[in-house]
C-alpha atoms as a PDB file:
ATOM      1  CA  MET A   1     -20.177 117.383 -12.735  1.00  0.00           C
ATOM      2  CA  ARG A   2     -22.562 116.552 -15.599  1.00  0.00           C
ATOM      3  CA  ASN A   3     -19.997 114.197 -17.166  1.00  0.00           C
ATOM      4  CA  THR A   4     -19.419 112.528 -13.809  1.00  0.00           C
ATOM      5  CA  ARG A   5     -23.124 111.856 -13.427  1.00  0.00           C
ATOM      6  CA  LYS A   6     -23.314 110.448 -16.960  1.00  0.00           C
ATOM      7  CA  LEU A   7     -20.358 108.187 -16.228  1.00  0.00           C
ATOM      8  CA  LEU A   8     -21.884 106.979 -12.969  1.00  0.00           C
ATOM      9  CA  ALA A   9     -25.181 106.280 -14.738  1.00  0.00           C
ATOM     10  CA  ALA A  10     -23.367 104.320 -17.455  1.00  0.00           C
ATOM     11  CA  ILE A  11     -21.490 102.288 -14.848  1.00  0.00           C
ATOM     12  CA  THR A  12     -24.722 101.521 -13.013  1.00  0.00           C
ATOM     13  CA  VAL A  13     -26.437 100.332 -16.199  1.00  0.00           C
ATOM     14  CA  THR A  14     -23.395  98.323 -17.293  1.00  0.00           C
ATOM     15  CA  SER A  15     -23.083  96.731 -13.852  1.00  0.00           C
ATOM     16  CA  ALA A  16     -26.743  95.743 -13.860  1.00  0.00           C
ATOM     17  CA  LEU A  17     -26.373  94.201 -17.295  1.00  0.00           C
ATOM     18  CA  ILE A  18     -23.245  92.305 -16.305  1.00  0.00           C
ATOM     19  CA  LEU A  19     -24.601  91.014 -13.003  1.00  0.00           C
ATOM     20  CA  GLY A  20     -27.989  90.270 -14.510  1.00  0.00           C
ATOM     21  CA  SER A  21     -26.547  88.201 -17.325  1.00  0.00           C
ATOM     22  CA  THR A  22     -27.222  84.512 -16.927  1.00  0.00           C
ATOM     23  CA  SER A  23     -25.581  83.518 -20.189  1.00  0.00           C
ATOM     24  CA  ALA A  24     -22.010  84.314 -19.216  1.00  0.00           C
ATOM     25  CA  GLN A  25     -19.600  81.715 -20.514  1.00  0.00           C
ATOM     26  CA  GLN A  26     -18.071  79.442 -17.900  1.00  0.00           C
ATOM     27  CA  TYR A  27     -14.292  79.696 -17.947  1.00  0.00           C
ATOM     28  CA  SER A  28     -12.838  76.726 -16.145  1.00  0.00           C
ATOM     29  CA  SER A  29      -9.240  76.301 -17.282  1.00  0.00           C
ATOM     30  CA  PRO A  30      -6.835  77.048 -14.429  1.00  0.00           C
ATOM     31  CA  GLU A  31      -4.892  79.518 -16.575  1.00  0.00           C
ATOM     32  CA  THR A  32      -8.006  81.466 -17.537  1.00  0.00           C
ATOM     33  CA  ARG A  33      -9.281  81.544 -13.973  1.00  0.00           C
ATOM     34  CA  GLU A  34      -5.888  82.834 -12.789  1.00  0.00           C
ATOM     35  CA  ALA A  35      -5.985  85.535 -15.479  1.00  0.00           C
ATOM     36  CA  LEU A  36      -9.484  86.585 -14.405  1.00  0.00           C
ATOM     37  CA  LYS A  37      -8.411  86.611 -10.747  1.00  0.00           C
ATOM     38  CA  ALA A  38      -5.369  88.747 -11.605  1.00  0.00           C
ATOM     39  CA  ALA A  39      -7.632  91.167 -13.479  1.00  0.00           C
ATOM     40  CA  MET A  40     -10.018  91.363 -10.501  1.00  0.00           C
ATOM     41  CA  LEU A  41      -7.139  92.017  -8.092  1.00  0.00           C
ATOM     42  CA  ASP A  42      -5.790  94.773 -10.322  1.00  0.00           C
ATOM     43  CA  GLU A  43      -9.196  96.419 -10.715  1.00  0.00           C
ATOM     44  CA  ALA A  44      -9.923  96.172  -6.987  1.00  0.00           C
ATOM     45  CA  PHE A  45      -6.593  97.793  -6.128  1.00  0.00           C
ATOM     46  CA  SER A  46      -7.125 100.563  -8.675  1.00  0.00           C
ATOM     47  CA  MET A  47     -10.672 101.143  -7.431  1.00  0.00           C
ATOM     48  CA  ALA A  48      -9.514 101.514  -3.821  1.00  0.00           C
ATOM     49  CA  LYS A  49      -6.536 103.669  -4.780  1.00  0.00           C
ATOM     50  CA  TYR A  50      -8.650 106.084  -6.831  1.00  0.00           C
ATOM     51  CA  LYS A  51     -11.217 106.237  -4.038  1.00  0.00           C
ATOM     52  CA  LEU A  52      -8.474 107.270  -1.607  1.00  0.00           C
ATOM     53  CA  PHE A  53      -7.225 109.860  -4.118  1.00  0.00           C
ATOM     54  CA  ALA A  54     -10.784 111.209  -4.459  1.00  0.00           C
ATOM     55  CA  GLU A  55     -11.186 111.449  -0.692  1.00  0.00           C
ATOM     56  CA  HIS A  56      -7.864 113.283  -0.391  1.00  0.00           C
ATOM     57  CA  ALA A  57      -8.753 115.709  -3.180  1.00  0.00           C
ATOM     58  CA  SER A  58     -12.096 116.357  -1.490  1.00  0.00           C
ATOM     59  CA  ARG A  59     -10.422 117.033   1.881  1.00  0.00           C
ATOM     60  CA  THR A  60      -7.997 119.474   0.255  1.00  0.00           C
ATOM     61  CA  GLY A  61     -10.833 121.322  -1.483  1.00  0.00           C
ATOM     62  CA  ASN A  62     -10.153 120.145  -5.026  1.00  0.00           C
ATOM     63  CA  LYS A  63     -13.719 119.176  -5.877  1.00  0.00           C
ATOM     64  CA  GLN A  64     -13.111 118.741  -9.602  1.00  0.00           C
ATOM     65  CA  LEU A  65     -10.230 116.309  -9.064  1.00  0.00           C
ATOM     66  CA  ALA A  66     -12.269 114.496  -6.416  1.00  0.00           C
ATOM     67  CA  GLU A  67     -15.056 113.948  -8.957  1.00  0.00           C
ATOM     68  CA  VAL A  68     -12.621 112.722 -11.614  1.00  0.00           C
ATOM     69  CA  MET A  69     -11.019 110.280  -9.192  1.00  0.00           C
ATOM     70  CA  ALA A  70     -14.386 109.081  -7.871  1.00  0.00           C
ATOM     71  CA  ALA A  71     -15.537 108.470 -11.446  1.00  0.00           C
ATOM     72  CA  ALA A  72     -12.317 106.564 -12.168  1.00  0.00           C
ATOM     73  CA  SER A  73     -12.864 104.458  -9.042  1.00  0.00           C
ATOM     74  CA  ASN A  74     -16.396 103.651 -10.156  1.00  0.00           C
ATOM     75  CA  MET A  75     -15.163 102.711 -13.625  1.00  0.00           C
ATOM     76  CA  GLU A  76     -12.652 100.297 -12.092  1.00  0.00           C
ATOM     77  CA  TYR A  77     -15.488  98.783 -10.071  1.00  0.00           C
ATOM     78  CA  GLY A  78     -17.397  98.261 -13.306  1.00  0.00           C
ATOM     79  CA  HIS A  79     -14.378  96.436 -14.724  1.00  0.00           C
ATOM     80  CA  PHE A  80     -14.152  94.345 -11.561  1.00  0.00           C
ATOM     81  CA  LEU A  81     -17.825  93.384 -11.953  1.00  0.00           C
ATOM     82  CA  ARG A  82     -17.195  92.182 -15.500  1.00  0.00           C
ATOM     83  CA  TRP A  83     -14.332  89.922 -14.449  1.00  0.00           C
ATOM     84  CA  ALA A  84     -16.242  88.722 -11.379  1.00  0.00           C
ATOM     85  CA  GLN A  85     -19.176  87.683 -13.563  1.00  0.00           C
ATOM     86  CA  LEU A  86     -16.941  85.770 -15.969  1.00  0.00           C
ATOM     87  CA  TYR A  87     -15.106  84.173 -13.034  1.00  0.00           C
ATOM     88  CA  ARG A  88     -18.453  83.259 -11.442  1.00  0.00           C
ATOM     89  CA  LEU A  89     -17.226  84.791  -8.204  1.00  0.00           C
ATOM     90  CA  VAL A  90     -20.645  84.977  -6.543  1.00  0.00           C
ATOM     91  CA  GLY A  91     -22.627  81.819  -5.837  1.00  0.00           C
ATOM     92  CA  THR A  92     -25.371  80.955  -3.380  1.00  0.00           C
ATOM     93  CA  ASP A  93     -25.253  82.453   0.101  1.00  0.00           C
ATOM     94  CA  ALA A  94     -23.902  79.193   1.491  1.00  0.00           C
ATOM     95  CA  GLN A  95     -21.247  78.952  -1.247  1.00  0.00           C
ATOM     96  CA  ASN A  96     -20.238  82.567  -0.673  1.00  0.00           C
ATOM     97  CA  LEU A  97     -19.840  82.024   3.073  1.00  0.00           C
ATOM     98  CA  ARG A  98     -17.806  78.855   2.561  1.00  0.00           C
ATOM     99  CA  ALA A  99     -15.553  80.742   0.136  1.00  0.00           C
ATOM    100  CA  ALA A 100     -15.189  83.599   2.629  1.00  0.00           C
ATOM    101  CA  VAL A 101     -14.145  81.199   5.405  1.00  0.00           C
ATOM    102  CA  ALA A 102     -11.664  79.471   3.100  1.00  0.00           C
ATOM    103  CA  ASP A 103     -10.224  82.827   2.030  1.00  0.00           C
ATOM    104  CA  GLU A 104      -9.788  83.945   5.625  1.00  0.00           C
ATOM    105  CA  ILE A 105      -8.026  80.701   6.534  1.00  0.00           C
ATOM    106  CA  ASN A 106      -5.987  80.091   3.404  1.00  0.00           C
ATOM    107  CA  ASP A 107      -5.181  83.581   2.263  1.00  0.00           C
ATOM    108  CA  ASP A 108      -5.665  86.375   4.730  1.00  0.00           C
ATOM    109  CA  VAL A 109      -4.553  84.839   8.034  1.00  0.00           C
ATOM    110  CA  LYS A 110      -1.590  83.022   6.502  1.00  0.00           C
ATOM    111  CA  LEU A 111      -0.634  86.082   4.451  1.00  0.00           C
ATOM    112  CA  TYR A 112      -0.535  88.397   7.454  1.00  0.00           C
ATOM    113  CA  GLU A 113       1.313  85.806   9.501  1.00  0.00           C
ATOM    114  CA  ARG A 114       3.974  85.579   6.779  1.00  0.00           C
ATOM    115  CA  LEU A 115       4.165  89.343   6.290  1.00  0.00           C
ATOM    116  CA  ALA A 116       4.544  89.912  10.047  1.00  0.00           C
ATOM    117  CA  SER A 117       7.323  87.351  10.250  1.00  0.00           C
ATOM    118  CA  GLU A 118       9.159  88.847   7.275  1.00  0.00           C
ATOM    119  CA  ALA A 119       8.824  92.402   8.628  1.00  0.00           C
ATOM    120  CA  ASP A 120      10.070  91.247  12.018  1.00  0.00           C
ATOM    121  CA  ALA A 121      13.072  89.543  10.389  1.00  0.00           C
ATOM    122  CA  ARG A 122      13.924  92.836   8.634  1.00  0.00           C
ATOM    123  CA  GLY A 123      13.751  94.647  11.959  1.00  0.00           C
ATOM    124  CA  GLU A 124      10.539  96.476  11.060  1.00  0.00           C
ATOM    125  CA  LYS A 125       8.856  95.854  14.406  1.00  0.00           C
ATOM    126  CA  ALA A 126       6.096  98.465  14.026  1.00  0.00           C
ATOM    127  CA  LEU A 127       5.089  97.083  10.631  1.00  0.00           C
ATOM    128  CA  ALA A 128       5.152  93.543  12.022  1.00  0.00           C
ATOM    129  CA  GLU A 129       2.781  94.682  14.778  1.00  0.00           C
ATOM    130  CA  HIS A 130       0.422  96.209  12.186  1.00  0.00           C
ATOM    131  CA  PHE A 131       0.372  92.905  10.291  1.00  0.00           C
ATOM    132  CA  GLN A 132      -0.267  90.977  13.516  1.00  0.00           C
ATOM    133  CA  GLU A 133      -3.133  93.315  14.400  1.00  0.00           C
ATOM    134  CA  ILE A 134      -4.779  92.792  11.014  1.00  0.00           C
ATOM    135  CA  LYS A 135      -4.169  89.035  11.296  1.00  0.00           C
ATOM    136  CA  ALA A 136      -6.072  89.039  14.596  1.00  0.00           C
ATOM    137  CA  GLN A 137      -8.931  90.943  12.955  1.00  0.00           C
ATOM    138  CA  GLU A 138      -8.958  88.442  10.079  1.00  0.00           C
ATOM    139  CA  GLU A 139      -9.116  85.548  12.558  1.00  0.00           C
ATOM    140  CA  LYS A 140     -12.063  87.191  14.271  1.00  0.00           C
ATOM    141  CA  GLN A 141     -13.758  87.662  10.900  1.00  0.00           C
ATOM    142  CA  GLN A 142     -13.098  84.002  10.103  1.00  0.00           C
ATOM    143  CA  GLU A 143     -14.956  82.956  13.266  1.00  0.00           C
ATOM    144  CA  GLU A 144     -17.876  85.253  12.410  1.00  0.00           C
ATOM    145  CA  PHE A 145     -18.036  83.710   8.939  1.00  0.00           C
ATOM    146  CA  LYS A 146     -17.986  80.209  10.437  1.00  0.00           C
ATOM    147  CA  ARG A 147     -20.938  81.073  12.690  1.00  0.00           C
ATOM    148  CA  ALA A 148     -22.805  82.499   9.709  1.00  0.00           C
ATOM    149  CA  VAL A 149     -22.103  79.337   7.684  1.00  0.00           C
ATOM    150  CA  GLU A 150     -23.614  77.209  10.444  1.00  0.00           C
ATOM    151  CA  LYS A 151     -26.775  79.341  10.441  1.00  0.00           C
ATOM    152  CA  VAL A 152     -27.096  79.321   6.647  1.00  0.00           C
ATOM    153  CA  LEU A 153     -26.512  75.581   6.394  1.00  0.00           C
ATOM    154  CA  ILE A 154     -29.161  74.922   9.009  1.00  0.00           C
ATOM    155  CA  THR A 155     -31.708  76.986   7.081  1.00  0.00           C
ATOM    156  CA  ASP A 156     -30.686  75.775   3.575  1.00  0.00           C
END
């Protein structure tokens, strides 16, 4: 438990330093940006996976394993923050909302549409329905983002 707390404290300090840094180098080559995006995707997946493992260990009464997995999840989040800073993932509120809308349109909605179609073609009807359900949620989120963009742009 003591080591877990030390690790969490180190992650918090490191994250603050990374996010607070204004002198991060701007990486603009398409290849470098793709590498940073791939690193962020990997770290985000690992973070979520370890969080699920920690929750499972906690539910099954394995407190020590839950703490180890939670610490690992937090470490992955720290890695994600580093890559996000170098990628310049976060901008102004208006920029962030525009990016969120674009992601919902270009990535999420189209992705789930494609995945549903492919699952349906393989005869995996239940999975196709899951993908369609998430697609509908993503479309709803897209509309909420669009409304938020309008409000932010009016006040900016």
